[in-house]
Amino acid sequence: MREPLLPLPPALDQLLVIRRWLELTLAHIDEKIDVVRAADEERTRRWPPPEPPHWWIEYGIGATRRPERVHTGACRVTSRGRAATRESILEVLRTVPSVITCPLCRPHSELGLLDS
């Protein structure tokens, strides 16, 4: 049998006391988990999560953090990005030649731009 993290006493009565204390502690933690879950559920009912943005700009890593790709708001290929407006997406596509549109969500189709 593997040695426990803390040394345990050899006496049975002491071990039983420790076991009971752990049972009570675990019951207290379970009660707290139930309270926190109920509060989370209530908060979710009161304030539904915001709708996802309609557009998304993915930024590169590094000091410059330049825009790399544009996505529709439903596309979650990356988490390196920020919500954007239609106008800002079009501006990025016009001014940053290295930016590409995501090949999966195809925002250029939704923007009404020609497929390239």
N, C-alpha and C. Protein backbone atom coordinates (compact mmCIF):
# COMPACT_ATOMS: atom_id res chain seq x y z
N MET A 1 0.84 -1.19 0.00
CA MET A 1 0.00 0.00 0.00
C MET A 1 0.88 1.24 0.00
N ARG A 2 0.45 2.23 -0.76
CA ARG A 2 1.20 3.47 -0.89
C ARG A 2 1.11 4.29 0.39
N GLU A 3 2.19 4.97 0.74
CA GLU A 3 2.23 5.82 1.94
C GLU A 3 1.44 7.10 1.69
N PRO A 4 0.54 7.51 2.63
CA PRO A 4 -0.25 8.73 2.43
C PRO A 4 0.63 9.97 2.46
N LEU A 5 0.05 11.11 2.01
CA LEU A 5 0.79 12.36 1.99
C LEU A 5 1.22 12.81 3.38
N LEU A 6 0.34 12.62 4.35
CA LEU A 6 0.65 12.97 5.73
C LEU A 6 0.75 11.69 6.55
N PRO A 7 1.65 11.66 7.51
CA PRO A 7 1.73 10.46 8.35
C PRO A 7 0.45 10.30 9.18
N LEU A 8 -0.06 9.10 9.22
CA LEU A 8 -1.28 8.82 9.98
C LEU A 8 -0.92 8.11 11.28
N PRO A 9 -1.72 8.36 12.30
CA PRO A 9 -1.44 7.71 13.58
C PRO A 9 -1.74 6.21 13.49
N PRO A 10 -1.10 5.40 14.33
CA PRO A 10 -1.32 3.96 14.28
C PRO A 10 -2.57 3.50 15.04
N ALA A 11 -3.14 4.33 15.89
CA ALA A 11 -4.26 3.93 16.74
C ALA A 11 -5.58 4.00 15.95
N LEU A 12 -6.41 2.95 16.12
CA LEU A 12 -7.68 2.86 15.42
C LEU A 12 -8.62 4.01 15.79
N ASP A 13 -8.73 4.34 17.07
CA ASP A 13 -9.65 5.40 17.46
C ASP A 13 -9.25 6.75 16.85
N GLN A 14 -7.98 7.02 16.74
CA GLN A 14 -7.53 8.26 16.11
C GLN A 14 -7.83 8.26 14.61
N LEU A 15 -7.63 7.14 13.95
CA LEU A 15 -7.94 7.02 12.53
C LEU A 15 -9.43 7.22 12.26
N LEU A 16 -10.28 6.67 13.15
CA LEU A 16 -11.72 6.83 12.99
C LEU A 16 -12.14 8.29 13.17
N VAL A 17 -11.50 9.01 14.08
CA VAL A 17 -11.80 10.43 14.28
C VAL A 17 -11.41 11.21 13.01
N ILE A 18 -10.25 10.92 12.47
CA ILE A 18 -9.80 11.60 11.25
C ILE A 18 -10.75 11.30 10.10
N ARG A 19 -11.18 10.04 9.99
CA ARG A 19 -12.11 9.67 8.93
C ARG A 19 -13.43 10.43 9.06
N ARG A 20 -13.95 10.53 10.28
CA ARG A 20 -15.21 11.24 10.50
C ARG A 20 -15.06 12.72 10.17
N TRP A 21 -13.92 13.31 10.58
CA TRP A 21 -13.67 14.72 10.27
C TRP A 21 -13.64 14.94 8.76
N LEU A 22 -13.00 14.04 8.03
CA LEU A 22 -12.95 14.15 6.58
C LEU A 22 -14.35 14.02 5.96
N GLU A 23 -15.16 13.09 6.49
CA GLU A 23 -16.53 12.94 5.98
C GLU A 23 -17.33 14.23 6.19
N LEU A 24 -17.23 14.83 7.35
CA LEU A 24 -17.95 16.08 7.65
C LEU A 24 -17.44 17.22 6.76
N THR A 25 -16.15 17.28 6.57
CA THR A 25 -15.56 18.31 5.72
C THR A 25 -16.04 18.14 4.28
N LEU A 26 -16.05 16.91 3.79
CA LEU A 26 -16.52 16.65 2.43
C LEU A 26 -18.00 17.00 2.28
N ALA A 27 -18.80 16.69 3.29
CA ALA A 27 -20.22 17.06 3.24
C ALA A 27 -20.38 18.57 3.20
N HIS A 28 -19.57 19.29 3.96
CA HIS A 28 -19.62 20.75 3.95
C HIS A 28 -19.22 21.30 2.58
N ILE A 29 -18.21 20.72 1.97
CA ILE A 29 -17.78 21.15 0.63
C ILE A 29 -18.87 20.85 -0.40
N ASP A 30 -19.51 19.69 -0.29
CA ASP A 30 -20.60 19.36 -1.22
C ASP A 30 -21.75 20.36 -1.10
N GLU A 31 -22.07 20.76 0.13
CA GLU A 31 -23.12 21.77 0.32
C GLU A 31 -22.74 23.09 -0.34
N LYS A 32 -21.49 23.49 -0.18
CA LYS A 32 -21.02 24.75 -0.78
C LYS A 32 -21.05 24.66 -2.31
N ILE A 33 -20.69 23.51 -2.87
CA ILE A 33 -20.75 23.31 -4.31
C ILE A 33 -22.19 23.48 -4.80
N ASP A 34 -23.15 22.92 -4.07
CA ASP A 34 -24.56 23.06 -4.45
C ASP A 34 -25.00 24.53 -4.43
N VAL A 35 -24.57 25.28 -3.42
CA VAL A 35 -24.93 26.70 -3.32
C VAL A 35 -24.34 27.48 -4.48
N VAL A 36 -23.08 27.23 -4.80
CA VAL A 36 -22.42 27.96 -5.88
C VAL A 36 -23.05 27.60 -7.22
N ARG A 37 -23.35 26.34 -7.45
CA ARG A 37 -24.01 25.93 -8.70
C ARG A 37 -25.37 26.60 -8.85
N ALA A 38 -26.14 26.63 -7.77
CA ALA A 38 -27.46 27.27 -7.82
C ALA A 38 -27.32 28.76 -8.12
N ALA A 39 -26.32 29.41 -7.53
CA ALA A 39 -26.11 30.83 -7.80
C ALA A 39 -25.70 31.05 -9.25
N ASP A 40 -24.85 30.18 -9.79
CA ASP A 40 -24.44 30.28 -11.20
C ASP A 40 -25.63 30.11 -12.13
N GLU A 41 -26.48 29.13 -11.83
CA GLU A 41 -27.66 28.91 -12.66
C GLU A 41 -28.61 30.10 -12.60
N GLU A 42 -28.78 30.68 -11.43
CA GLU A 42 -29.65 31.85 -11.28
C GLU A 42 -29.08 33.04 -12.05
N ARG A 43 -27.79 33.24 -11.97
CA ARG A 43 -27.13 34.34 -12.68
C ARG A 43 -27.30 34.15 -14.19
N THR A 44 -27.19 32.92 -14.66
CA THR A 44 -27.35 32.64 -16.08
C THR A 44 -28.79 32.91 -16.53
N ARG A 45 -29.76 32.58 -15.69
CA ARG A 45 -31.16 32.85 -16.03
C ARG A 45 -31.44 34.35 -16.08
N ARG A 46 -30.85 35.10 -15.17
CA ARG A 46 -31.08 36.55 -15.13
C ARG A 46 -30.40 37.27 -16.27
N TRP A 47 -29.16 36.91 -16.52
CA TRP A 47 -28.37 37.59 -17.55
C TRP A 47 -27.87 36.56 -18.55
N PRO A 48 -28.61 36.37 -19.61
CA PRO A 48 -28.13 35.42 -20.61
C PRO A 48 -26.84 35.94 -21.23
N PRO A 49 -26.01 35.06 -21.72
CA PRO A 49 -24.75 35.51 -22.30
C PRO A 49 -25.00 36.40 -23.51
N PRO A 50 -24.10 37.35 -23.74
CA PRO A 50 -24.29 38.23 -24.88
C PRO A 50 -24.19 37.46 -26.19
N GLU A 51 -24.86 37.98 -27.19
CA GLU A 51 -24.79 37.34 -28.49
C GLU A 51 -23.39 37.47 -29.05
N PRO A 52 -22.92 36.49 -29.80
CA PRO A 52 -21.57 36.60 -30.36
C PRO A 52 -21.51 37.74 -31.37
N PRO A 53 -20.33 38.31 -31.54
CA PRO A 53 -20.21 39.39 -32.52
C PRO A 53 -20.46 38.87 -33.92
N HIS A 54 -20.87 39.75 -34.81
CA HIS A 54 -21.14 39.33 -36.18
C HIS A 54 -19.85 39.17 -36.97
N TRP A 55 -18.80 39.88 -36.55
CA TRP A 55 -17.51 39.82 -37.24
C TRP A 55 -16.40 39.68 -36.22
N TRP A 56 -15.26 39.16 -36.67
CA TRP A 56 -14.16 38.84 -35.78
C TRP A 56 -12.86 39.08 -36.53
N ILE A 57 -11.92 39.80 -35.91
CA ILE A 57 -10.59 40.00 -36.51
C ILE A 57 -9.57 39.23 -35.68
N GLU A 58 -8.84 38.36 -36.33
CA GLU A 58 -7.79 37.58 -35.67
C GLU A 58 -6.47 38.34 -35.81
N TYR A 59 -5.77 38.47 -34.68
CA TYR A 59 -4.50 39.19 -34.68
C TYR A 59 -3.35 38.21 -34.50
N GLY A 60 -2.21 38.58 -35.05
CA GLY A 60 -1.01 37.76 -34.91
C GLY A 60 -0.40 37.93 -33.54
N ILE A 61 0.62 37.14 -33.30
CA ILE A 61 1.33 37.25 -32.03
C ILE A 61 2.56 38.13 -32.24
N GLY A 62 3.14 38.57 -31.16
CA GLY A 62 4.32 39.42 -31.27
C GLY A 62 4.00 40.86 -30.90
N ALA A 63 5.02 41.69 -31.03
CA ALA A 63 4.88 43.08 -30.61
C ALA A 63 3.91 43.88 -31.48
N THR A 64 3.86 43.59 -32.77
CA THR A 64 3.01 44.39 -33.65
C THR A 64 1.54 43.99 -33.59
N ARG A 65 1.25 42.72 -33.38
CA ARG A 65 -0.12 42.20 -33.30
C ARG A 65 -0.96 42.73 -34.44
N ARG A 66 -0.49 42.55 -35.66
CA ARG A 66 -1.22 43.00 -36.85
C ARG A 66 -2.37 42.05 -37.14
N PRO A 67 -3.41 42.56 -37.78
CA PRO A 67 -4.50 41.68 -38.20
C PRO A 67 -3.98 40.63 -39.18
N GLU A 68 -4.42 39.38 -38.99
CA GLU A 68 -4.00 38.30 -39.89
C GLU A 68 -5.16 37.75 -40.71
N ARG A 69 -6.31 37.55 -40.05
CA ARG A 69 -7.48 36.98 -40.72
C ARG A 69 -8.73 37.67 -40.24
N VAL A 70 -9.74 37.59 -41.07
CA VAL A 70 -11.07 38.05 -40.66
C VAL A 70 -12.01 36.85 -40.69
N HIS A 71 -12.96 36.86 -39.76
CA HIS A 71 -13.89 35.74 -39.59
C HIS A 71 -15.30 36.28 -39.40
N THR A 72 -16.27 35.40 -39.59
CA THR A 72 -17.62 35.72 -39.14
C THR A 72 -17.64 35.50 -37.63
N GLY A 73 -18.62 36.06 -36.97
CA GLY A 73 -18.70 35.92 -35.52
C GLY A 73 -18.92 34.50 -35.05
N ALA A 74 -19.52 33.66 -35.89
CA ALA A 74 -19.79 32.28 -35.50
C ALA A 74 -18.55 31.40 -35.58
N CYS A 75 -17.52 31.84 -36.28
CA CYS A 75 -16.31 31.05 -36.48
C CYS A 75 -15.44 31.14 -35.23
N ARG A 76 -15.05 30.01 -34.72
CA ARG A 76 -14.18 29.99 -33.53
C ARG A 76 -12.91 29.20 -33.81
N VAL A 77 -12.30 29.46 -34.95
CA VAL A 77 -11.06 28.79 -35.31
C VAL A 77 -9.95 29.24 -34.37
N THR A 78 -10.03 30.47 -33.89
CA THR A 78 -8.99 31.02 -33.04
C THR A 78 -9.60 31.82 -31.90
N SER A 79 -8.82 32.00 -30.85
CA SER A 79 -9.26 32.87 -29.75
C SER A 79 -8.43 34.15 -29.72
N ARG A 80 -7.50 34.28 -30.67
CA ARG A 80 -6.66 35.48 -30.74
C ARG A 80 -7.35 36.53 -31.60
N GLY A 81 -8.31 37.17 -31.07
CA GLY A 81 -8.99 38.16 -31.88
C GLY A 81 -9.90 39.04 -31.07
N ARG A 82 -10.58 39.93 -31.79
CA ARG A 82 -11.53 40.84 -31.15
C ARG A 82 -12.75 41.00 -32.03
N ALA A 83 -13.84 41.33 -31.39
CA ALA A 83 -15.07 41.61 -32.12
C ALA A 83 -14.85 42.83 -33.00
N ALA A 84 -15.55 42.85 -34.13
CA ALA A 84 -15.37 43.95 -35.08
C ALA A 84 -16.69 44.27 -35.73
N THR A 85 -16.73 45.45 -36.33
CA THR A 85 -17.90 45.85 -37.11
C THR A 85 -17.65 45.52 -38.57
N ARG A 86 -18.70 45.56 -39.36
CA ARG A 86 -18.57 45.32 -40.80
C ARG A 86 -17.62 46.33 -41.42
N GLU A 87 -17.74 47.58 -41.00
CA GLU A 87 -16.90 48.65 -41.53
C GLU A 87 -15.43 48.41 -41.21
N SER A 88 -15.15 47.98 -39.97
CA SER A 88 -13.74 47.75 -39.61
C SER A 88 -13.17 46.55 -40.36
N ILE A 89 -13.99 45.54 -40.62
CA ILE A 89 -13.54 44.39 -41.42
C ILE A 89 -13.17 44.86 -42.83
N LEU A 90 -14.06 45.65 -43.43
CA LEU A 90 -13.79 46.14 -44.79
C LEU A 90 -12.54 47.04 -44.81
N GLU A 91 -12.38 47.84 -43.79
CA GLU A 91 -11.19 48.71 -43.70
C GLU A 91 -9.92 47.89 -43.59
N VAL A 92 -9.93 46.87 -42.78
CA VAL A 92 -8.75 46.00 -42.64
C VAL A 92 -8.44 45.31 -43.97
N LEU A 93 -9.47 44.83 -44.64
CA LEU A 93 -9.25 44.16 -45.93
C LEU A 93 -8.70 45.13 -46.97
N ARG A 94 -9.08 46.40 -46.89
CA ARG A 94 -8.58 47.40 -47.85
C ARG A 94 -7.16 47.84 -47.54
N THR A 95 -6.83 47.97 -46.27
CA THR A 95 -5.57 48.63 -45.89
C THR A 95 -4.44 47.68 -45.51
N VAL A 96 -4.73 46.44 -45.17
CA VAL A 96 -3.67 45.51 -44.78
C VAL A 96 -3.62 44.39 -45.82
N PRO A 97 -2.67 44.48 -46.74
CA PRO A 97 -2.65 43.52 -47.85
C PRO A 97 -2.42 42.08 -47.42
N SER A 98 -1.78 41.86 -46.29
CA SER A 98 -1.47 40.49 -45.87
C SER A 98 -2.66 39.78 -45.21
N VAL A 99 -3.73 40.50 -44.91
CA VAL A 99 -4.90 39.90 -44.25
C VAL A 99 -5.63 38.99 -45.23
N ILE A 100 -6.04 37.82 -44.72
CA ILE A 100 -6.82 36.89 -45.54
C ILE A 100 -8.17 36.65 -44.87
N THR A 101 -9.11 36.19 -45.65
CA THR A 101 -10.40 35.80 -45.07
C THR A 101 -10.33 34.33 -44.72
N CYS A 102 -10.99 33.96 -43.65
CA CYS A 102 -10.97 32.58 -43.18
C CYS A 102 -11.57 31.65 -44.25
N PRO A 103 -10.85 30.59 -44.62
CA PRO A 103 -11.39 29.69 -45.64
C PRO A 103 -12.52 28.81 -45.11
N LEU A 104 -12.72 28.75 -43.81
CA LEU A 104 -13.77 27.91 -43.25
C LEU A 104 -15.11 28.64 -43.15
N CYS A 105 -15.09 29.84 -42.57
CA CYS A 105 -16.36 30.57 -42.38
C CYS A 105 -16.68 31.50 -43.55
N ARG A 106 -15.70 31.77 -44.41
CA ARG A 106 -15.86 32.53 -45.65
C ARG A 106 -16.59 33.87 -45.45
N PRO A 107 -16.01 34.77 -44.66
CA PRO A 107 -16.68 36.05 -44.41
C PRO A 107 -16.81 36.91 -45.66
N HIS A 108 -15.94 36.71 -46.64
CA HIS A 108 -16.02 37.51 -47.88
C HIS A 108 -17.33 37.26 -48.60
N SER A 109 -17.88 36.04 -48.49
CA SER A 109 -19.17 35.76 -49.11
C SER A 109 -20.27 36.55 -48.42
N GLU A 110 -20.22 36.59 -47.09
CA GLU A 110 -21.23 37.32 -46.34
C GLU A 110 -21.09 38.83 -46.52
N LEU A 111 -19.87 39.27 -46.79
CA LEU A 111 -19.63 40.70 -47.01
C LEU A 111 -20.04 41.12 -48.42
N GLY A 112 -20.27 40.16 -49.29
CA GLY A 112 -20.65 40.48 -50.66
C GLY A 112 -19.45 40.74 -51.55
N LEU A 113 -18.26 40.29 -51.13
CA LEU A 113 -17.07 40.45 -51.93
C LEU A 113 -16.91 39.26 -52.85
N LEU A 114 -16.22 39.44 -53.95
CA LEU A 114 -16.00 38.34 -54.89
C LEU A 114 -15.08 37.30 -54.27
N ASP A 115 -15.35 36.03 -54.55
CA ASP A 115 -14.45 34.97 -54.10
C ASP A 115 -13.15 35.07 -54.86
N SER A 116 -12.05 34.85 -54.15
CA SER A 116 -10.77 34.89 -54.83
C SER A 116 -10.12 33.55 -54.87
